[in-house]
Each structure stands twice: as structure tokens, then as C-alpha cells.
Protein backbone atom coordinates (compact mmCIF):
# COMPACT_ATOMS: atom_id res chain seq x y z
CA MET A 1 124.13 128.39 94.36
CA LYS A 2 125.04 125.65 96.81
CA TYR A 3 124.39 122.13 95.50
CA ARG A 4 123.50 119.18 97.66
CA ASN A 5 126.28 116.72 98.33
CA PHE A 6 124.18 113.64 99.07
CA PRO A 7 125.67 110.24 99.90
CA MET A 8 124.64 107.17 97.94
CA VAL A 9 124.65 103.52 98.99
CA PRO A 10 128.29 102.56 98.27
CA ARG A 11 127.73 98.85 97.64
CA VAL A 12 124.81 96.94 96.17
CA VAL A 13 124.28 93.35 95.02
CA PHE A 14 121.39 92.46 92.70
CA GLY A 15 120.22 89.05 91.57
CA HIS A 16 118.00 86.04 92.22
CA GLY A 17 119.52 84.03 95.07
CA SER A 18 122.01 86.76 95.99
CA PHE A 19 120.81 86.53 99.63
CA LEU A 20 123.03 83.45 99.94
CA GLN A 21 126.08 85.72 99.57
CA LEU A 22 125.25 87.63 102.75
CA GLY A 23 127.66 85.68 104.96
CA GLU A 24 130.51 86.31 102.54
CA ILE A 25 129.63 90.03 102.44
CA LEU A 26 129.50 90.38 106.24
CA MET A 27 132.63 88.39 107.09
CA PRO A 28 135.19 91.19 106.41
CA LYS A 29 133.07 93.56 108.53
CA ARG A 30 133.16 91.40 111.66
CA LYS A 31 135.26 93.20 114.28
CA SER A 32 135.60 90.24 116.65
CA SER A 33 133.78 87.16 117.88
CA GLU A 34 132.32 89.33 120.66
CA ALA A 35 130.98 91.98 118.28
CA PRO A 36 127.81 90.47 116.83
CA PHE A 37 125.70 91.23 113.84
CA ILE A 38 122.13 92.02 114.87
CA PHE A 39 119.50 90.94 112.33
CA PHE A 40 116.16 92.75 112.46
CA ILE A 41 113.76 90.55 110.52
CA ASP A 42 110.04 90.94 109.76
CA ASP A 43 108.21 88.49 112.00
CA VAL A 44 106.25 87.10 109.02
CA PHE A 45 109.44 85.11 108.30
CA GLU A 46 109.55 83.48 111.74
CA GLY A 47 109.76 79.72 111.19
CA GLN A 48 110.15 80.20 107.42
CA PRO A 49 113.00 78.78 105.28
CA LEU A 50 114.58 82.25 104.95
CA ILE A 51 115.65 82.14 108.60
CA THR A 52 117.77 79.02 108.04
CA GLU A 53 119.71 80.98 105.40
CA VAL A 54 120.65 83.85 107.74
CA PRO A 55 124.45 83.50 108.22
CA LEU A 56 124.62 83.47 112.03
CA LEU A 57 128.05 83.20 113.68
CA PHE A 58 129.34 83.55 117.24
CA ASN A 59 126.81 85.52 119.29
CA ASP A 60 124.88 87.04 116.39
CA GLN A 61 121.25 87.68 117.22
CA ILE A 62 117.98 87.71 115.31
CA ILE A 63 115.30 90.07 116.58
CA PHE A 64 111.87 89.61 115.00
CA ILE A 65 109.87 92.80 114.56
CA SER A 66 106.26 93.25 113.48
CA SER A 67 105.65 95.46 110.48
CA GLU A 68 101.96 95.82 111.33
CA GLU A 69 102.61 99.27 112.80
CA GLU A 70 104.77 102.15 111.65
CA PRO A 71 108.19 102.26 113.40
CA LYS A 72 108.31 104.47 116.49
CA THR A 73 111.06 106.48 118.15
CA ALA A 74 110.27 104.77 121.47
CA GLN A 75 110.66 101.36 119.80
CA VAL A 76 114.08 102.38 118.47
CA ASP A 77 115.14 103.60 121.92
CA VAL A 78 114.14 100.26 123.51
CA LEU A 79 116.06 98.26 120.89
CA VAL A 80 119.19 100.39 121.32
CA ALA A 81 119.05 100.00 125.11
CA LYS A 82 118.56 96.24 124.78
CA ILE A 83 121.58 95.88 122.48
CA LYS A 84 123.81 97.99 124.75
CA GLU A 85 122.78 95.94 127.78
CA SER A 86 123.19 92.56 126.05
CA PHE A 87 126.66 92.91 124.58
CA THR A 88 129.99 94.05 125.97
CA GLU A 89 131.17 95.25 122.56
CA MET A 90 129.50 97.50 120.02
CA PRO A 91 127.92 95.28 117.34
CA SER A 92 129.80 94.76 114.08
CA GLY A 93 126.68 95.91 112.32
CA ILE A 94 122.91 95.95 111.91
CA VAL A 95 121.09 94.07 109.15
CA GLY A 96 117.47 94.91 108.29
CA ILE A 97 115.45 92.27 106.40
CA GLY A 98 111.89 93.17 105.44
CA GLY A 99 109.85 96.04 104.04
CA GLY A 100 110.16 99.76 104.67
CA THR A 101 109.37 99.42 108.38
CA LEU A 102 112.21 96.97 109.02
CA LEU A 103 114.66 98.94 106.89
CA ASP A 104 113.79 102.15 108.73
CA VAL A 105 114.20 100.46 112.13
CA ALA A 106 117.61 99.12 111.08
CA LYS A 107 118.80 102.54 109.90
CA ALA A 108 117.53 104.28 113.02
CA VAL A 109 119.11 101.78 115.45
CA ALA A 110 122.44 101.96 113.60
CA ILE A 111 122.37 105.75 114.05
CA MET A 112 121.26 105.73 117.68
CA LEU A 113 123.95 103.25 118.78
CA THR A 114 126.51 106.02 118.20
CA ASN A 115 124.48 109.15 118.98
CA PRO A 116 123.26 110.10 122.48
CA GLY A 117 119.69 110.70 123.59
CA SER A 118 116.38 109.59 122.11
CA ALA A 119 115.61 108.97 118.44
CA ALA A 120 112.90 111.65 118.74
CA GLU A 121 115.63 114.29 119.13
CA TYR A 122 116.89 113.53 115.62
CA GLN A 123 113.59 113.77 113.73
CA GLY A 124 114.27 116.47 111.17
CA TRP A 125 116.95 117.41 108.71
CA ASP A 126 120.71 116.98 109.30
CA LEU A 127 120.60 116.67 113.10
CA VAL A 128 122.77 113.51 113.32
CA LYS A 129 126.39 114.36 114.23
CA LYS A 130 128.14 110.97 114.47
CA PRO A 131 128.29 108.27 111.76
CA ALA A 132 126.10 105.22 112.28
CA ILE A 133 127.58 101.77 112.73
CA TYR A 134 127.81 99.56 109.64
CA HIS A 135 124.30 98.73 108.43
CA VAL A 136 122.86 96.57 105.66
CA GLY A 137 119.42 96.73 104.02
CA ILE A 138 117.70 93.74 102.41
CA PRO A 139 114.19 94.53 101.13
CA THR A 140 111.64 91.71 100.90
CA ILE A 141 109.01 93.89 99.23
CA SER A 142 109.57 96.57 96.61
CA GLY A 143 108.34 100.14 96.46
CA THR A 144 109.24 102.21 99.50
CA GLY A 145 112.73 103.21 98.35
CA ALA A 146 113.83 102.86 102.00
CA GLU A 147 116.76 100.74 100.82
CA VAL A 148 118.34 103.74 99.11
CA SER A 149 117.02 106.83 100.91
CA ARG A 150 118.72 109.11 103.45
CA THR A 151 115.57 109.05 105.56
CA THR A 152 114.33 106.74 108.28
CA VAL A 153 110.67 107.58 108.86
CA LEU A 154 109.60 107.33 112.50
CA MET A 155 106.50 108.03 114.54
CA GLY A 156 107.51 110.25 117.43
CA PRO A 157 105.61 111.45 120.49
CA GLU A 158 104.76 114.72 118.73
CA LYS A 159 105.14 114.07 115.01
CA LYS A 160 105.78 111.59 112.24
CA LEU A 161 109.03 112.70 110.68
CA GLY A 162 112.15 111.08 109.34
CA ILE A 163 115.70 111.17 110.57
CA ASN A 164 117.03 112.79 107.39
CA SER A 165 120.81 112.75 107.39
CA ASP A 166 123.95 111.87 105.45
CA HIS A 167 124.59 109.11 108.01
CA THR A 168 121.24 107.37 107.38
CA PRO A 169 121.83 105.49 104.07
CA PHE A 170 122.87 101.86 104.21
CA ASP A 171 126.52 100.89 103.71
CA GLN A 172 125.42 97.82 101.79
CA VAL A 173 122.18 96.83 100.09
CA LEU A 174 121.31 93.36 98.85
CA LEU A 175 118.53 93.20 96.24
CA ASP A 176 117.26 89.66 95.76
CA PRO A 177 113.93 89.60 93.84
CA LYS A 178 113.44 86.01 95.03
CA LEU A 179 112.74 87.39 98.53
CA THR A 180 109.60 89.17 97.25
CA HIS A 181 107.85 85.89 96.38
CA GLY A 182 104.59 85.46 98.25
CA VAL A 183 103.85 89.13 98.97
CA PRO A 184 100.02 89.48 99.24
CA LYS A 185 98.43 91.20 96.23
CA GLU A 186 97.09 94.23 98.13
CA GLN A 187 100.42 94.83 99.85
CA TRP A 188 102.23 94.46 96.50
CA PHE A 189 99.93 97.11 95.05
CA TYR A 190 100.05 99.60 97.93
CA THR A 191 103.82 99.42 98.33
CA GLY A 192 104.38 99.64 94.58
CA MET A 193 102.11 102.69 94.48
CA ASP A 194 104.34 104.31 97.09
CA CYS A 195 107.07 104.15 94.42
CA TYR A 196 104.72 105.34 91.67
CA ILE A 197 103.57 108.32 93.77
CA HIS A 198 107.22 109.13 94.64
CA CYS A 199 107.82 109.50 90.91
CA ILE A 200 104.74 111.61 90.17
CA GLU A 201 105.50 113.99 93.05
CA SER A 202 109.19 114.25 92.21
CA LEU A 203 108.65 114.77 88.47
CA ASN A 204 105.97 117.43 89.05
CA GLY A 205 107.79 119.26 91.83
CA THR A 206 109.56 122.61 91.95
CA TYR A 207 112.73 120.86 93.21
CA LEU A 208 113.01 118.86 89.98
CA ASN A 209 116.41 118.78 88.29
CA ALA A 210 118.07 116.62 85.64
CA PHE A 211 119.51 114.27 88.28
CA SER A 212 116.19 113.47 89.98
CA GLN A 213 114.35 113.55 86.65
CA SER A 214 116.53 110.86 85.09
CA TYR A 215 115.87 108.46 87.97
CA GLY A 216 112.21 109.43 88.32
CA GLU A 217 111.42 108.90 84.64
CA LYS A 218 113.03 105.45 84.64
CA ALA A 219 111.17 104.43 87.80
CA LEU A 220 107.89 105.68 86.33
CA ASP A 221 108.44 103.69 83.12
CA LEU A 222 109.11 100.57 85.17
CA CYS A 223 105.95 101.11 87.24
CA HIS A 224 103.93 101.38 84.03
CA GLU A 225 105.42 98.08 82.82
CA VAL A 226 104.73 96.31 86.10
CA TYR A 227 101.20 97.59 86.75
CA LEU A 228 99.85 98.13 83.23
CA GLY A 229 102.03 95.88 81.06
CA ASP A 230 101.83 92.20 80.24
CA ILE A 231 105.01 90.70 81.69
CA SER A 232 105.87 87.56 83.63
CA LYS A 233 105.81 87.47 87.43
CA GLU A 234 109.57 86.99 87.57
CA GLU A 235 110.20 89.96 85.27
CA SER A 236 107.69 91.97 87.28
CA ARG A 237 109.58 91.27 90.52
CA ASP A 238 112.89 92.31 88.95
CA LYS A 239 111.47 95.51 87.47
CA LEU A 240 109.57 96.60 90.58
CA MET A 241 112.73 96.16 92.66
CA MET A 242 114.57 98.44 90.20
CA ALA A 243 111.65 100.89 90.15
CA SER A 244 111.87 101.14 93.94
CA TRP A 245 115.62 101.82 93.76
CA HIS A 246 115.29 104.47 91.05
CA GLY A 247 112.27 106.07 92.73
CA GLY A 248 114.22 106.35 95.98
CA MET A 249 117.14 107.93 94.13
CA SER A 250 114.81 110.41 92.45
CA ILE A 251 113.47 111.78 95.72
CA ALA A 252 116.94 111.71 97.32
CA TYR A 253 117.88 114.66 95.12
CA SER A 254 114.45 116.30 95.05
CA GLN A 255 111.45 115.66 97.32
CA VAL A 256 107.98 114.15 97.50
CA GLY A 257 104.77 116.18 97.70
CA ILE A 258 101.16 116.53 98.80
CA ALA A 259 100.19 112.84 99.03
CA HIS A 260 103.12 112.04 101.30
CA ALA A 261 102.55 115.10 103.50
CA MET A 262 98.90 114.16 104.02
CA SER A 263 99.71 110.47 104.44
CA TYR A 264 101.99 111.37 107.35
CA GLY A 265 99.01 113.08 109.02
CA LEU A 266 96.78 110.02 108.51
CA SER A 267 99.49 107.73 109.84
CA TYR A 268 100.24 109.84 112.91
CA LEU A 269 96.61 110.13 114.04
CA LEU A 270 95.02 106.91 112.81
CA GLY A 271 97.94 104.53 112.32
CA VAL A 272 97.21 104.14 108.60
CA LYS A 273 100.17 102.39 106.97
CA HIS A 274 102.25 104.48 104.62
CA GLY A 275 101.53 102.78 101.29
CA ILE A 276 97.77 102.62 101.65
CA GLY A 277 97.78 106.13 103.15
CA ASN A 278 99.40 107.50 100.02
CA CYS A 279 96.77 105.77 97.87
CA LEU A 280 93.88 107.04 99.99
CA VAL A 281 95.09 110.61 99.55
CA PHE A 282 96.36 110.43 95.97
CA GLN A 283 92.99 109.41 94.51
CA TYR A 284 91.67 112.89 95.39
CA LEU A 285 94.60 114.94 94.06
CA GLU A 286 93.52 115.27 90.38
CA GLU A 287 93.76 119.05 90.65
CA PHE A 288 97.48 118.84 91.41
CA TYR A 289 98.55 115.67 89.56
CA PRO A 290 95.89 115.13 86.85
CA GLU A 291 97.73 112.64 84.63
CA GLY A 292 99.25 110.81 87.59
CA VAL A 293 95.88 110.27 89.27
CA LYS A 294 94.29 109.17 85.98
CA VAL A 295 96.93 106.45 85.46
CA PHE A 296 96.77 105.47 89.15
CA LYS A 297 93.05 104.74 88.76
CA GLN A 298 93.77 102.67 85.64
CA MET A 299 96.28 100.60 87.64
CA GLN A 300 93.80 100.26 90.48
CA GLU A 301 91.07 99.07 88.10
CA LYS A 302 93.33 96.59 86.29
CA HIS A 303 94.31 94.90 89.55
CA GLN A 304 90.81 95.21 91.09
CA ILE A 305 91.99 97.04 94.16
CA LYS A 306 89.22 98.65 96.22
CA LEU A 307 90.39 101.28 98.64
CA PRO A 308 88.65 101.52 102.02
CA THR A 309 86.26 104.41 102.50
CA GLY A 310 85.12 106.51 105.43
CA ILE A 311 88.54 106.55 107.08
CA CYS A 312 88.04 110.10 108.34
CA ALA A 313 84.28 109.84 108.94
CA GLY A 314 83.30 110.91 112.42
CA LEU A 315 86.60 112.57 113.33
CA SER A 316 86.38 115.58 115.63
CA GLU A 317 87.65 119.07 114.80
CA GLU A 318 90.55 118.45 117.16
CA GLN A 319 91.50 115.23 115.36
CA PHE A 320 91.39 116.90 111.95
CA ASP A 321 93.53 119.68 113.39
CA ILE A 322 96.17 117.19 114.55
CA MET A 323 96.37 115.64 111.05
CA ILE A 324 96.59 119.05 109.42
CA GLN A 325 99.32 120.30 111.75
CA VAL A 326 101.40 117.14 111.23
CA SER A 327 101.00 117.50 107.46
CA PHE A 328 101.82 121.20 107.42
CA GLY A 329 104.95 120.48 109.48
CA LEU A 330 106.55 118.84 106.42
CA VAL A 331 107.53 122.16 104.84
CA PRO A 332 109.97 120.85 102.17
CA LEU A 333 107.24 118.59 100.76
CA TRP A 334 104.83 121.51 100.35
CA GLU A 335 107.54 123.71 98.88
CA ASN A 336 108.35 121.04 96.33
CA ALA A 337 104.68 120.52 95.44
CA LEU A 338 103.45 124.10 95.32
CA GLY A 339 106.43 126.47 95.50
CA ASP A 340 107.51 129.09 98.04
CA ASN A 341 104.01 130.55 98.36
CA TRP A 342 102.47 127.16 99.18
CA LYS A 343 100.70 128.51 102.27
CA GLU A 344 98.61 130.79 100.06
CA ILE A 345 97.64 127.84 97.83
CA MET A 346 97.06 125.13 100.43
CA THR A 347 95.06 126.88 103.12
CA TYR A 348 93.92 125.21 106.31
CA ASP A 349 90.34 124.91 105.05
CA ARG A 350 91.42 123.50 101.70
CA LEU A 351 93.47 120.78 103.37
CA LEU A 352 90.59 120.09 105.77
CA GLN A 353 88.24 119.48 102.84
CA LEU A 354 90.71 117.07 101.25
CA PHE A 355 91.01 115.06 104.47
CA LYS A 356 87.21 114.95 104.80
CA LYS A 357 86.96 113.15 101.44
CA ILE A 358 89.01 110.21 102.71
């Protein structure tokens, strides 16, 4: 048997206020005064105090990016072209500050600055040949696991699929729970449920092993504490940030499952954001994850979260077909969820009926 030799994030800082150490962390990585750091920052922080704490030097640049839409391969291509045109030297590094969207953009741009062609050409598994430039991830919301994963999920012209490679993970991650203050309640729930569903799918998958299980079980325990326990807001922020990290590690050595595969289809066709997409699907997956769905509904009830309905009402046969084909394209997810004979279990019509419930 050949075992996976996955890379991990080599350096990580955790702690309230640790964001203020960013300048000190970046300084040894600066190649010259002409080789800037490019900071991709969620535009919700524009004009906020956080921006004054970004350690800008020389010709460093901040680029604000909206997280309202899923990151796209075309968007990555435009950013790469803009950076190459604007600077005579390759940047010293890329820093992503925000949620999963910003972290995925940062990882993708760092890869595409050293690899030729369009980002769409690298959607898949192990297609990246050259190492990315130095890149740093700083999450401002917890749950996606993007800070630790070897995937950068992108919407391409033909599919929604990650750049899954050994060159994708960040070289440095900074985890400052203070940065997650002020996250709206619904977003806190949906993004946290992304982590929770990671764990359920990993722990119930055919790819499960002791490595992924140890991380997945810890992340699941932390999710239970955060969403069903009685703990302070500060403790909740700390624990959800750790749940996100452990959940990301769990799927790094295993895989996610049905909810994520279907969520990709929803996102590709309708632009449904990843966290809420997972929730919309997961509520109907009792047959596959009975205990997980039961606890999910308890969490939903405790925090009085009402999911939107009728998302797929009125879609044409062609539109349903697009969602199904995108979902079915994520073969490793189906193999993990249902085994090698997954096509016999999850037929076209069965998946169609699941989508029609949403």
C-alpha cells in the first residue's frame, strides 16, 4: 500500500492579539524593497481599525476583495496579471486576511504567480508542478479549514473544483481569535457548520483512518461545545478556531462526502455560498448521516437559525442536470461517502430527488 505524504502548514501562531506580530513574521521573508508583500483583505474591513495594523512597508499593496461571491478562476487570473504588470520583481509573498474565500484567493494567486496558464487548468488533483511563492493565511472567521487545507476551491468556467496540491498549503498561518469579533450570527453558524459537516463526513467515510479520526473527533467535540455547550463568547471563539484547524486536518488525510459534493453543484449553478449550501443539503441526509443530521438540527434550533426554502423550486431539467453533473464530478467525495460502488447507490434519479427537496 502507498500512503499519502501530505504537507502540513510548517508554522502557526495562535493567540489573542497575535496579529500584531505579523510585521515581525514577514520581515525575514522580504527579498528586497522592490519585492512587495501583497495583502488580499476582505472588503468588509475597508476603513476599519484592522487596516491600520497591517504592517505595510516599501511598495506593499493592499487589495480589497469581496467575499460575497465564491472565488473564480478568472478572478485569480486577473489578479495575477495585475501583480505581474505592477511590479518589476516577483512579490516577497501573498497574505490572505478574511474567510475561506480570501484564503482560497491568496493560495491560488501564490500558485499561479509561478505556474503558467490559467487557474482553470489546475482544477483537480496534483496538477501543480512548481512551488507557490511564500503565502500566509489569517482567518477572520472560523470553520472552513481553508487555513490548513491543501485545496483552494475555485469556480471555473466548466466546474467548481479545487486546486488540490502539495504546493497549496500556507507557509505560515496566524490564528488570532480576536479577529473573529463581530462576525454576524448567521455567518458564524453557517461557517461553523462547514467545520461540523467536515467532521461528520470524514468520520463516517470509507477513507477514515486513525490519523484523520483523531483530528475529526477533536474537532467534533469542539463543535459540540461551541454550538450546544454553555461557554463564554471568548472561549467559544478560541474553540471554534481550533475546531476549524482540526477539521481541516481531518479531511486533509481523508475526504468530505455527500453534502460537500451537492453543495458544489448548488454553488456552481446558483451561486449559493459554501457554508449555507452545506447546511441546505445536510438537513436532508438523515439516511446517510442519521446522528449527524439529528445533532445539526439541535444546533440549528438552539441558535434559532431558519434555513431558506425553495432554492431549487422552478429549476429546469437542464439546470438540475448541470448541478448533478458538477456534483458527480467530485468522485473522491462519493467514494469516501459510499465506497467504490457509489454509482450503484447514488443514482442520477436519487440525487435529483435530493436536490428537489432543497
